[in-house]
Amino acid sequence: MPKRIFSGVQPTGNVHLGNYLGALRNWVALQHEYESFFCIVNLHAITNRQDPKLLAEKTRELARIYLAVGLGASTMFIQSEVAEHAELTWILNCIARMSELERMTQFKDKARKSENVSVGTFDYPVLMASDILLYQTDLVPVGEDQKQHLELTRDLSIRFNRDYGETFRVPEPFIPKVGARIMSLSDPANKMSKSEEDANGCVRLLDDADSIQRKFKRAVTDSGTAIKFDASRPAITNLLTIFQLLTGETPEQVEANFKDKGYAQLKQELADATIAFLEPLQQKVKAIDDGELTRILAEGAEKARGIASQTLAAVKEKLGIAGAGR
């Protein structure tokens, strides 16, 4: 069987520069080394209440972005179009343990903020495990914030294989050394996020040039004047990391470029580099034909169902729940 990768993004909020530099950029490279499945995880999105019309619009917008960044060599599909994701989640729920899910950091953070956390939020990691295991995935590109969820996926696959016989591949994480965590421009202690309250902290892939200029101009910096990569100066290091990833320069080249320059010049050059990168991408997004997008997503879902149904059939056979009515 071919080596496979799987990952996905929720179609909520606005896809931002951190999503591209930390995830989508790596997916584009990995699709040429692995059989790649990239999902729009709209079932994960509804763990929080969504506006139905907006969710549908954002789902197709995200699909356009997938294509525009260069994921055309991958299998792209919408999670809710493959029913096996939900069915395998129920089965894995029956071998997952409450104590495991209660330890999940993301759930604990959300539970501290609200007493009305949905059961879906609690069960989110099991749905994520189903997403991955359905496709016999070898490698999962994840950020540090999802690594705990992937560990649960590994635990569930190992437990099922032990108790019922070899069924699932045990996936490994892929975490890039550079750019895995692009931080907020407003608060470099926190990751750039779609849900960030301060809109100036997040550069969206579909932002116009004026917005990009304004956001970088307002980006926070550290004390001191030297423009160098320095873990003790997270704001400047974050800006330099973005510049490095957008331009393809080495850290040494980046530091040499900004030697004897000030923060204002750094912000201006970074804004210019970002605009130069995003404008062609935005043009590609607008140029994608709606009918062609529908065709690509339908073909992706069909291919995904073909593999997912085989995995689910094997699982049900091992459990003794396949064809019980025959």
Protein backbone atom coordinates (compact mmCIF):
# COMPACT_ATOMS: atom_id res chain seq x y z
CA MET A 1 0.00 0.00 0.00
CA PRO A 2 1.25 3.52 -0.71
CA LYS A 3 2.45 5.72 2.12
CA ARG A 4 -0.24 8.24 2.98
CA ILE A 5 -0.67 11.57 4.70
CA PHE A 6 -3.91 13.06 6.01
CA SER A 7 -4.78 16.42 7.50
CA GLY A 8 -7.58 18.95 7.51
CA VAL A 9 -8.68 22.48 8.35
CA GLN A 10 -11.98 23.71 9.77
CA PRO A 11 -13.99 25.95 7.43
CA THR A 12 -14.57 28.59 10.11
CA GLY A 13 -13.18 32.08 10.38
CA ASN A 14 -10.64 33.21 7.80
CA VAL A 15 -7.59 31.21 6.71
CA HIS A 16 -4.52 33.21 7.68
CA LEU A 17 -0.80 33.46 7.05
CA GLY A 18 -0.06 31.19 10.02
CA ASN A 19 -2.26 28.46 8.49
CA TYR A 20 -0.32 28.71 5.24
CA LEU A 21 3.22 28.91 6.67
CA GLY A 22 2.60 26.35 9.40
CA ALA A 23 0.49 23.85 7.46
CA LEU A 24 -0.62 24.40 3.86
CA ARG A 25 2.88 25.21 2.64
CA ASN A 26 4.15 21.89 3.97
CA TRP A 27 1.19 19.98 2.53
CA VAL A 28 2.06 21.23 -0.94
CA ALA A 29 5.57 19.78 -0.62
CA LEU A 30 4.47 16.53 1.03
CA GLN A 31 1.85 15.69 -1.63
CA HIS A 32 4.67 14.84 -4.03
CA GLU A 33 6.16 12.30 -1.61
CA TYR A 34 2.99 10.66 -0.26
CA GLU A 35 -0.50 9.79 -1.39
CA SER A 36 -2.22 12.80 0.14
CA PHE A 37 -5.71 13.30 1.57
CA PHE A 38 -6.64 16.80 2.68
CA CYS A 39 -10.07 17.24 4.18
CA ILE A 40 -12.29 20.21 4.98
CA VAL A 41 -13.38 19.16 8.45
CA ASN A 42 -16.85 20.67 8.69
CA LEU A 43 -18.05 18.08 11.23
CA HIS A 44 -15.38 19.37 13.60
CA ALA A 45 -16.61 22.90 12.93
CA ILE A 46 -20.11 22.23 14.28
CA THR A 47 -18.80 21.35 17.75
CA ASN A 48 -19.47 25.08 18.15
CA ARG A 49 -22.64 26.71 16.85
CA GLN A 50 -22.22 28.00 13.29
CA ASP A 51 -24.33 30.08 10.95
CA PRO A 52 -25.40 27.42 8.39
CA LYS A 53 -25.22 29.68 5.34
CA LEU A 54 -21.85 31.10 6.32
CA LEU A 55 -20.47 27.62 7.08
CA ALA A 56 -21.45 26.43 3.60
CA GLU A 57 -19.82 29.49 2.02
CA LYS A 58 -16.64 29.12 4.06
CA THR A 59 -16.43 25.43 3.17
CA ARG A 60 -16.22 26.23 -0.54
CA GLU A 61 -13.93 29.20 0.06
CA LEU A 62 -11.50 26.92 1.88
CA ALA A 63 -11.66 24.42 -1.00
CA ARG A 64 -10.71 27.25 -3.37
CA ILE A 65 -7.77 28.16 -1.15
CA TYR A 66 -6.64 24.51 -1.11
CA LEU A 67 -6.52 24.60 -4.90
CA ALA A 68 -4.96 28.06 -5.12
CA VAL A 69 -2.02 27.21 -2.86
CA GLY A 70 -1.22 24.19 -5.03
CA LEU A 71 -2.92 21.11 -3.58
CA GLY A 72 -4.28 19.93 -6.92
CA ALA A 73 -2.20 16.74 -6.82
CA SER A 74 -3.94 15.67 -3.59
CA THR A 75 -7.32 14.12 -2.85
CA MET A 76 -9.49 16.95 -1.50
CA PHE A 77 -12.91 16.37 -0.01
CA ILE A 78 -15.45 17.57 2.52
CA GLN A 79 -15.64 15.52 5.71
CA SER A 80 -19.43 15.36 5.93
CA GLU A 81 -19.57 13.83 2.42
CA VAL A 82 -17.95 10.64 3.75
CA ALA A 83 -20.30 9.07 6.32
CA GLU A 84 -17.66 6.59 7.48
CA HIS A 85 -16.04 9.35 9.57
CA ALA A 86 -19.07 9.54 11.86
CA GLU A 87 -19.60 5.77 12.00
CA LEU A 88 -16.00 4.97 12.93
CA THR A 89 -16.15 7.70 15.59
CA TRP A 90 -18.91 5.80 17.39
CA ILE A 91 -16.91 2.59 17.26
CA LEU A 92 -13.76 4.27 18.59
CA ASN A 93 -15.86 5.91 21.31
CA CYS A 94 -16.48 2.42 22.59
CA ILE A 95 -12.77 1.76 23.13
CA ALA A 96 -11.75 5.28 24.17
CA ARG A 97 -11.74 6.08 27.89
CA MET A 98 -13.30 9.05 29.61
CA SER A 99 -10.10 9.71 31.50
CA GLU A 100 -8.18 10.01 28.23
CA LEU A 101 -10.53 12.63 26.84
CA GLU A 102 -10.71 14.54 30.12
CA ARG A 103 -6.94 15.01 29.94
CA MET A 104 -7.07 16.74 26.56
CA THR A 105 -5.68 20.25 27.03
CA GLN A 106 -7.96 21.91 24.48
CA PHE A 107 -11.07 20.48 26.13
CA LYS A 108 -9.92 21.54 29.60
CA ASP A 109 -9.24 25.08 28.35
CA LYS A 110 -12.70 25.36 26.81
CA ALA A 111 -14.40 23.80 29.85
CA ARG A 112 -12.76 26.39 32.10
CA LYS A 113 -14.23 29.19 29.98
CA SER A 114 -17.78 27.81 29.78
CA GLU A 115 -20.05 25.34 31.54
CA ASN A 116 -21.95 24.71 28.30
CA VAL A 117 -19.25 22.87 26.37
CA SER A 118 -20.83 20.45 23.90
CA VAL A 119 -20.39 16.69 23.96
CA GLY A 120 -18.97 17.11 20.46
CA THR A 121 -16.18 19.30 21.85
CA PHE A 122 -15.36 16.62 24.41
CA ASP A 123 -15.39 13.96 21.66
CA TYR A 124 -13.50 16.07 19.10
CA PRO A 125 -10.26 14.05 19.47
CA VAL A 126 -12.06 10.78 18.71
CA LEU A 127 -13.51 12.20 15.50
CA MET A 128 -9.99 13.37 14.63
CA ALA A 129 -8.72 9.83 15.26
CA SER A 130 -11.39 8.46 12.93
CA ASP A 131 -10.42 10.96 10.22
CA ILE A 132 -6.84 9.74 10.34
CA LEU A 133 -7.31 6.01 10.83
CA LEU A 134 -9.92 5.59 8.08
CA TYR A 135 -7.24 6.25 5.45
CA GLN A 136 -4.52 4.02 6.93
CA THR A 137 -2.45 7.15 7.39
CA ASP A 138 1.31 7.00 7.86
CA LEU A 139 2.06 10.67 8.48
CA VAL A 140 -0.05 13.48 9.93
CA PRO A 141 1.14 17.08 9.54
CA VAL A 142 0.12 18.68 12.84
CA GLY A 143 0.95 21.73 14.90
CA GLU A 144 2.19 21.42 18.46
CA ASP A 145 -1.35 22.17 19.70
CA GLN A 146 -2.68 19.02 17.99
CA LYS A 147 0.14 16.69 19.01
CA GLN A 148 -1.76 15.47 22.10
CA HIS A 149 -4.73 14.55 19.93
CA LEU A 150 -2.48 12.56 17.61
CA GLU A 151 -1.07 10.68 20.60
CA LEU A 152 -4.63 9.64 21.44
CA THR A 153 -5.09 8.50 17.84
CA ARG A 154 -1.98 6.35 18.15
CA ASP A 155 -3.18 4.92 21.47
CA LEU A 156 -6.60 4.01 20.03
CA SER A 157 -5.11 2.36 16.96
CA ILE A 158 -2.66 0.33 19.05
CA ARG A 159 -5.42 -0.70 21.47
CA PHE A 160 -7.76 -1.81 18.69
CA ASN A 161 -4.98 -3.75 16.95
CA ARG A 162 -4.06 -5.45 20.22
CA ASP A 163 -7.61 -6.43 21.15
CA TYR A 164 -9.04 -7.32 17.72
CA GLY A 165 -6.09 -7.97 15.43
CA GLU A 166 -4.01 -5.81 13.11
CA THR A 167 -6.38 -3.35 11.45
CA PHE A 168 -5.01 0.19 11.57
CA ARG A 169 -1.69 1.71 10.67
CA VAL A 170 -0.22 3.63 13.61
CA PRO A 171 0.36 7.19 12.33
CA GLU A 172 3.38 9.38 13.01
CA PRO A 173 3.36 13.18 13.40
CA PHE A 174 5.05 15.53 10.96
CA ILE A 175 5.96 18.81 12.69
CA PRO A 176 8.09 21.19 10.60
CA LYS A 177 11.20 22.60 12.29
CA VAL A 178 10.56 26.13 11.02
CA GLY A 179 7.19 27.83 10.91
CA ALA A 180 5.17 25.27 12.86
CA ARG A 181 3.86 28.05 15.10
CA ILE A 182 3.42 31.48 13.58
CA MET A 183 2.52 33.81 16.40
CA SER A 184 0.07 36.70 16.65
CA LEU A 185 1.33 40.10 15.50
CA SER A 186 -0.44 41.63 18.51
CA ASP A 187 0.60 39.09 21.13
CA PRO A 188 3.63 36.94 20.23
CA ALA A 189 2.98 34.75 23.27
CA ASN A 190 -0.02 33.28 21.45
CA LYS A 191 -0.37 31.51 18.12
CA MET A 192 -1.90 33.41 15.19
CA SER A 193 -5.52 32.30 15.23
CA LYS A 194 -8.74 32.62 13.23
CA SER A 195 -10.57 33.38 16.47
CA GLU A 196 -8.15 36.07 17.63
CA GLU A 197 -10.05 38.96 19.20
CA ASP A 198 -7.62 41.60 17.93
CA ALA A 199 -8.02 41.59 14.14
CA ASN A 200 -4.63 43.26 13.76
CA GLY A 201 -2.87 40.18 15.09
CA CYS A 202 -3.88 37.96 12.18
CA VAL A 203 -3.00 38.43 8.50
CA ARG A 204 -5.65 36.67 6.43
CA LEU A 205 -4.83 35.09 3.09
CA LEU A 206 -7.57 37.14 1.44
CA ASP A 207 -6.69 40.49 3.10
CA ASP A 208 -6.18 43.43 0.76
CA ALA A 209 -2.86 45.29 0.52
CA ASP A 210 -3.96 48.19 2.73
CA SER A 211 -5.02 45.84 5.54
CA ILE A 212 -1.72 43.97 5.35
CA GLN A 213 0.29 47.21 5.49
CA ARG A 214 -1.72 48.39 8.50
CA LYS A 215 -1.39 45.12 10.42
CA PHE A 216 2.38 44.88 10.05
CA LYS A 217 2.79 48.57 10.88
CA ARG A 218 0.96 47.92 14.18
CA ALA A 219 2.80 44.67 14.95
CA VAL A 220 4.33 44.67 18.43
CA THR A 221 8.11 44.48 18.83
CA ASP A 222 10.55 43.77 21.66
CA SER A 223 12.81 46.12 23.57
CA GLY A 224 16.20 46.78 22.05
CA THR A 225 17.11 47.64 18.47
CA ALA A 226 18.95 44.60 17.05
CA ILE A 227 17.02 42.69 14.39
CA LYS A 228 18.13 39.10 14.96
CA PHE A 229 16.59 35.69 15.64
CA ASP A 230 16.54 35.44 19.43
CA ALA A 231 14.23 33.18 21.45
CA SER A 232 14.25 35.74 24.27
CA ARG A 233 12.73 38.31 21.86
CA PRO A 234 9.67 36.47 20.51
CA ALA A 235 8.04 39.38 18.66
CA ILE A 236 11.04 40.14 16.44
CA THR A 237 11.81 36.44 15.97
CA ASN A 238 8.22 35.86 14.80
CA LEU A 239 8.45 38.67 12.22
CA LEU A 240 11.81 37.38 10.97
CA THR A 241 10.45 33.83 10.73
CA ILE A 242 7.56 35.03 8.56
CA PHE A 243 10.00 36.93 6.33
CA GLN A 244 12.31 33.90 6.08
CA LEU A 245 9.48 31.55 5.06
CA LEU A 246 7.99 33.95 2.53
CA THR A 247 11.30 34.78 0.85
CA GLY A 248 13.11 31.43 1.15
CA GLU A 249 16.18 33.12 2.61
CA THR A 250 18.34 31.51 5.29
CA PRO A 251 18.33 32.98 8.82
CA GLU A 252 21.81 34.37 8.13
CA GLN A 253 20.61 36.08 4.95
CA VAL A 254 17.59 37.53 6.73
CA GLU A 255 19.73 38.97 9.53
CA ALA A 256 22.22 40.39 7.01
CA ASN A 257 19.37 42.04 5.11
CA PHE A 258 18.19 43.89 8.22
CA LYS A 259 21.60 44.75 9.66
CA ASP A 260 21.67 48.46 10.52
CA LYS A 261 17.96 48.81 9.66
CA GLY A 262 15.19 49.79 12.05
CA TYR A 263 11.89 48.21 13.01
CA ALA A 264 9.96 50.43 10.61
CA GLN A 265 12.00 49.11 7.67
CA LEU A 266 11.54 45.53 8.85
CA LYS A 267 7.77 45.97 9.01
CA GLN A 268 7.64 47.66 5.61
CA GLU A 269 9.72 44.99 3.85
CA LEU A 270 7.72 42.25 5.54
CA ALA A 271 4.43 43.84 4.43
CA ASP A 272 5.78 44.16 0.86
CA ALA A 273 6.91 40.51 0.82
CA THR A 274 3.53 39.37 2.14
CA ILE A 275 1.57 41.38 -0.42
CA ALA A 276 3.80 40.12 -3.25
CA PHE A 277 3.11 36.55 -2.13
CA LEU A 278 -0.62 36.88 -1.49
CA GLU A 279 -1.78 38.86 -4.53
CA PRO A 280 -1.19 36.02 -7.06
CA LEU A 281 -2.78 33.54 -4.67
CA GLN A 282 -5.87 35.75 -4.33
CA GLN A 283 -6.15 36.00 -8.10
CA LYS A 284 -6.07 32.19 -8.34
CA VAL A 285 -8.82 31.89 -5.74
CA LYS A 286 -11.08 34.24 -7.74
CA ALA A 287 -10.35 32.44 -11.02
CA ILE A 288 -11.51 28.98 -9.89
CA ASP A 289 -14.69 27.96 -11.71
CA ASP A 290 -17.54 26.97 -9.39
CA GLY A 291 -18.55 23.97 -11.47
CA GLU A 292 -14.98 22.74 -11.64
CA LEU A 293 -14.70 23.08 -7.87
CA THR A 294 -17.83 20.96 -7.41
CA ARG A 295 -16.41 18.29 -9.73
CA ILE A 296 -13.07 18.15 -7.88
CA LEU A 297 -14.75 17.84 -4.48
CA ALA A 298 -17.13 15.13 -5.73
CA GLU A 299 -14.26 13.10 -7.19
CA GLY A 300 -12.30 13.54 -3.97
CA ALA A 301 -15.22 12.35 -1.85
CA GLU A 302 -15.73 9.31 -4.09
CA LYS A 303 -12.08 8.30 -3.78
CA ALA A 304 -12.11 8.93 -0.04
CA ARG A 305 -15.27 6.82 0.43
CA GLY A 306 -13.68 3.95 -1.48
CA ILE A 307 -10.79 3.74 0.98
CA ALA A 308 -12.79 4.64 4.09
CA SER A 309 -15.42 1.98 3.38
CA GLN A 310 -12.74 -0.72 3.11
CA THR A 311 -11.27 0.28 6.48
CA LEU A 312 -14.68 0.43 8.15
CA ALA A 313 -15.67 -2.95 6.72
CA ALA A 314 -12.50 -4.50 8.18
CA VAL A 315 -13.23 -2.88 11.57
CA LYS A 316 -16.80 -4.17 11.64
CA GLU A 317 -15.65 -7.65 10.62
CA LYS A 318 -13.16 -7.72 13.51
CA LEU A 319 -15.88 -6.61 15.94
CA GLY A 320 -18.43 -9.15 14.75
CA ILE A 321 -20.93 -6.53 13.60
CA ALA A 322 -20.51 -6.98 9.84
CA GLY A 323 -23.42 -8.61 8.03
CA ALA A 324 -25.09 -9.76 11.25
CA GLY A 325 -28.50 -9.71 9.56
CA ARG A 326 -27.54 -12.12 6.79
